[in-house]
Amino acid sequence: MNAQFIPGKDLYLRGIEKKDLEKIVNWINDPEVTHYLFMGDRPAHLELLQEQWEKEIRNPNEVSFAIVEKKADKMIGWCGLYTINWISRAAEYRIFIGDKKYWNKGVGTETAGLLLRYGFEKLNLNKVYLGVNAAHKGAVTSYEKAGFVKEGVLREEIFRNNRYYDAIRMSVLRKEYRAK
């Protein structure tokens, strides 16, 4: 079992390793996995992903994690806090569950809880926000269960699958996290 940087009930988060990148490329290139996402409009390439990963791990304003299912000790996706603004104490939350066997099993909700704990208790953030495709009802429900609140709608923000989708902006404030 790898180092559990952020342990949870059924999952743990650890740093993304170079060996994880091949799995990530396969997930990004799966149109079913990226159906509602901002990515997937171009093929992913291992070399480009590796370049991006190397930049990301050196960027103090981004922190990403592999999502690992504990029982199988298997990476099933990744998540992170991005575009961290250290003055406003805010960061963008992103998650990608690539292994389809783990969809609709509470992985998103548990992962959000782990990252919110990390963001508010370790990084001293005041706000964690995200954007989600409004048609991705399962994701919206998962974020609401984790404590995210809808802030607004960005009309026809995303072009995917030969159509435009609205995006919902959601967030959690430190005081809301503490109250929960």
Protein backbone atom coordinates (compact mmCIF):
# COMPACT_ATOMS: atom_id res chain seq x y z
CA MET A 1 0.00 0.00 0.00
CA ASN A 2 1.28 3.46 -0.92
CA ALA A 3 1.61 6.37 1.49
CA GLN A 4 -1.83 7.66 2.44
CA PHE A 5 -1.31 11.43 2.43
CA ILE A 6 -5.01 12.01 3.17
CA PRO A 7 -6.71 8.89 4.54
CA GLY A 8 -10.45 8.41 4.28
CA LYS A 9 -12.99 5.68 5.01
CA ASP A 10 -12.93 3.77 1.69
CA LEU A 11 -10.38 5.89 -0.18
CA TYR A 12 -7.13 7.67 0.33
CA LEU A 13 -5.37 10.42 -1.54
CA ARG A 14 -1.68 10.30 -2.42
CA GLY A 15 0.58 12.16 -4.78
CA ILE A 16 0.32 11.33 -8.47
CA GLU A 17 3.32 9.34 -9.64
CA LYS A 18 4.84 9.10 -13.09
CA LYS A 19 3.61 5.51 -13.43
CA ASP A 20 -0.01 6.77 -13.04
CA LEU A 21 0.14 8.88 -16.18
CA GLU A 22 -0.44 6.06 -18.66
CA LYS A 23 -3.70 5.15 -16.91
CA ILE A 24 -4.75 8.82 -16.91
CA VAL A 25 -4.10 9.11 -20.67
CA ASN A 26 -6.34 6.10 -21.31
CA TRP A 27 -9.13 7.61 -19.21
CA ILE A 28 -8.91 11.00 -20.95
CA ASN A 29 -9.12 9.27 -24.33
CA ASP A 30 -12.31 7.40 -23.34
CA PRO A 31 -15.28 9.43 -24.67
CA GLU A 32 -17.65 7.88 -22.11
CA VAL A 33 -15.44 9.08 -19.25
CA THR A 34 -15.13 12.63 -20.61
CA HIS A 35 -18.73 12.95 -21.88
CA TYR A 36 -19.65 15.87 -19.56
CA LEU A 37 -16.18 17.22 -18.89
CA PHE A 38 -14.19 20.21 -20.09
CA MET A 39 -11.52 17.83 -21.42
CA GLY A 40 -11.68 15.13 -24.05
CA ASP A 41 -12.00 17.30 -27.13
CA ARG A 42 -8.48 16.30 -28.24
CA PRO A 43 -6.53 13.11 -27.86
CA ALA A 44 -4.29 12.94 -24.81
CA HIS A 45 -0.66 11.97 -25.33
CA LEU A 46 1.62 10.57 -22.67
CA GLU A 47 4.46 12.98 -23.49
CA LEU A 48 2.24 16.06 -23.19
CA LEU A 49 0.62 14.80 -20.01
CA GLN A 50 4.05 14.13 -18.52
CA GLU A 51 5.15 17.71 -19.35
CA GLN A 52 2.00 19.09 -17.76
CA TRP A 53 2.43 16.90 -14.66
CA GLU A 54 6.06 18.00 -14.22
CA LYS A 55 5.02 21.67 -14.35
CA GLU A 56 2.11 21.06 -12.00
CA ILE A 57 4.13 19.36 -9.26
CA ARG A 58 6.45 22.37 -9.16
CA ASN A 59 3.65 24.94 -9.09
CA PRO A 60 2.90 26.13 -5.53
CA ASN A 61 -0.59 27.20 -6.64
CA GLU A 62 -1.72 23.71 -7.62
CA VAL A 63 -1.85 20.45 -5.71
CA SER A 64 -3.14 17.21 -7.18
CA PHE A 65 -3.72 13.75 -5.80
CA ALA A 66 -4.37 10.24 -7.01
CA ILE A 67 -7.67 8.86 -5.68
CA VAL A 68 -7.01 5.33 -4.46
CA GLU A 69 -9.60 2.74 -3.42
CA LYS A 70 -8.28 1.25 -0.17
CA LYS A 71 -9.33 -2.40 -0.45
CA ALA A 72 -7.80 -2.95 -3.88
CA ASP A 73 -5.08 -0.31 -3.35
CA LYS A 74 -5.97 0.82 -6.86
CA MET A 75 -5.86 4.30 -8.38
CA ILE A 76 -9.34 5.10 -9.72
CA GLY A 77 -9.00 8.79 -10.55
CA TRP A 78 -7.42 12.04 -9.52
CA CYS A 79 -8.41 15.30 -7.90
CA GLY A 80 -6.88 18.51 -6.71
CA LEU A 81 -7.01 22.14 -5.73
CA TYR A 82 -5.95 24.46 -8.53
CA THR A 83 -5.38 28.15 -9.17
CA ILE A 84 -4.85 28.66 -5.44
CA ASN A 85 -5.06 32.36 -4.61
CA TRP A 86 -3.09 32.81 -1.39
CA ILE A 87 -4.39 36.34 -0.77
CA SER A 88 -8.10 35.58 -1.24
CA ARG A 89 -7.55 32.11 0.25
CA ALA A 90 -9.54 30.44 -2.54
CA ALA A 91 -8.95 27.45 -4.83
CA GLU A 92 -10.69 25.60 -7.63
CA TYR A 93 -11.69 21.99 -6.90
CA ARG A 94 -11.39 19.43 -9.69
CA ILE A 95 -12.07 15.71 -9.75
CA PHE A 96 -11.84 13.01 -12.40
CA ILE A 97 -13.04 9.48 -11.68
CA GLY A 98 -11.66 7.50 -14.59
CA ASP A 99 -12.45 3.96 -13.49
CA LYS A 100 -16.11 3.49 -14.49
CA LYS A 101 -16.58 0.64 -11.98
CA TYR A 102 -16.46 3.27 -9.24
CA TRP A 103 -19.07 5.63 -10.67
CA ASN A 104 -22.20 6.18 -8.54
CA LYS A 105 -20.60 4.60 -5.47
CA GLY A 106 -20.00 7.71 -3.33
CA VAL A 107 -16.39 8.19 -4.46
CA GLY A 108 -17.01 11.80 -5.52
CA THR A 109 -18.63 12.73 -2.22
CA GLU A 110 -15.91 11.10 -0.10
CA THR A 111 -13.16 12.63 -2.24
CA ALA A 112 -14.70 16.09 -1.94
CA GLY A 113 -14.83 15.70 1.84
CA LEU A 114 -11.17 14.72 1.98
CA LEU A 115 -10.06 17.62 -0.21
CA LEU A 116 -12.22 20.13 1.64
CA ARG A 117 -10.66 18.99 4.91
CA TYR A 118 -7.21 19.42 3.37
CA GLY A 119 -8.06 22.82 1.88
CA PHE A 120 -9.62 24.31 5.00
CA GLU A 121 -7.57 22.63 7.73
CA LYS A 122 -4.12 22.34 6.11
CA LEU A 123 -4.01 25.15 3.54
CA ASN A 124 -6.14 27.61 5.55
CA LEU A 125 -8.41 28.36 2.58
CA ASN A 126 -11.59 30.38 2.95
CA LYS A 127 -13.35 29.21 -0.21
CA VAL A 128 -13.24 26.17 -2.48
CA TYR A 129 -15.17 26.49 -5.73
CA LEU A 130 -15.86 24.45 -8.85
CA GLY A 131 -17.59 24.47 -12.20
CA VAL A 132 -19.75 21.55 -13.28
CA ASN A 133 -21.72 20.73 -16.42
CA ALA A 134 -25.37 21.32 -15.46
CA ALA A 135 -26.42 18.17 -17.34
CA HIS A 136 -24.14 16.02 -15.18
CA LYS A 137 -26.82 15.52 -12.51
CA GLY A 138 -24.88 12.87 -10.57
CA ALA A 139 -21.93 15.20 -10.11
CA VAL A 140 -24.15 18.10 -9.02
CA THR A 141 -25.86 15.87 -6.43
CA SER A 142 -22.49 14.58 -5.18
CA TYR A 143 -21.17 18.12 -4.73
CA GLU A 144 -24.31 19.16 -2.86
CA LYS A 145 -23.93 16.15 -0.51
CA ALA A 146 -20.35 17.26 0.15
CA GLY A 147 -21.56 20.76 1.13
CA PHE A 148 -21.12 22.77 -2.07
CA VAL A 149 -23.72 25.48 -2.68
CA LYS A 150 -24.84 26.72 -6.10
CA GLU A 151 -23.64 30.27 -6.78
CA GLY A 152 -24.89 30.74 -10.31
CA VAL A 153 -25.21 29.46 -13.85
CA LEU A 154 -22.91 30.22 -16.76
CA ARG A 155 -25.16 29.92 -19.78
CA GLU A 156 -23.97 27.76 -22.69
CA GLU A 157 -20.47 27.71 -21.22
CA ILE A 158 -19.37 24.29 -22.45
CA PHE A 159 -19.39 22.90 -25.98
CA ARG A 160 -19.35 19.08 -25.95
CA ASN A 161 -21.12 16.33 -27.85
CA ASN A 162 -22.14 18.73 -30.62
CA ARG A 163 -24.13 20.98 -28.29
CA TYR A 164 -23.76 23.70 -25.67
CA TYR A 165 -24.25 23.04 -21.96
CA ASP A 166 -24.75 25.39 -19.05
CA ALA A 167 -22.16 25.26 -16.28
CA ILE A 168 -23.03 25.63 -12.61
CA ARG A 169 -20.63 27.46 -10.31
CA MET A 170 -20.64 25.97 -6.79
CA SER A 171 -18.58 26.66 -3.67
CA VAL A 172 -18.05 25.94 0.01
CA LEU A 173 -16.94 28.62 2.44
CA ARG A 174 -14.84 27.89 5.51
CA LYS A 175 -17.72 28.86 7.84
CA GLU A 176 -20.07 26.45 6.03
CA TYR A 177 -17.49 23.68 6.26
CA ARG A 178 -17.06 24.26 10.00
CA ALA A 179 -20.84 24.31 10.56
CA LYS A 180 -21.17 20.93 8.84
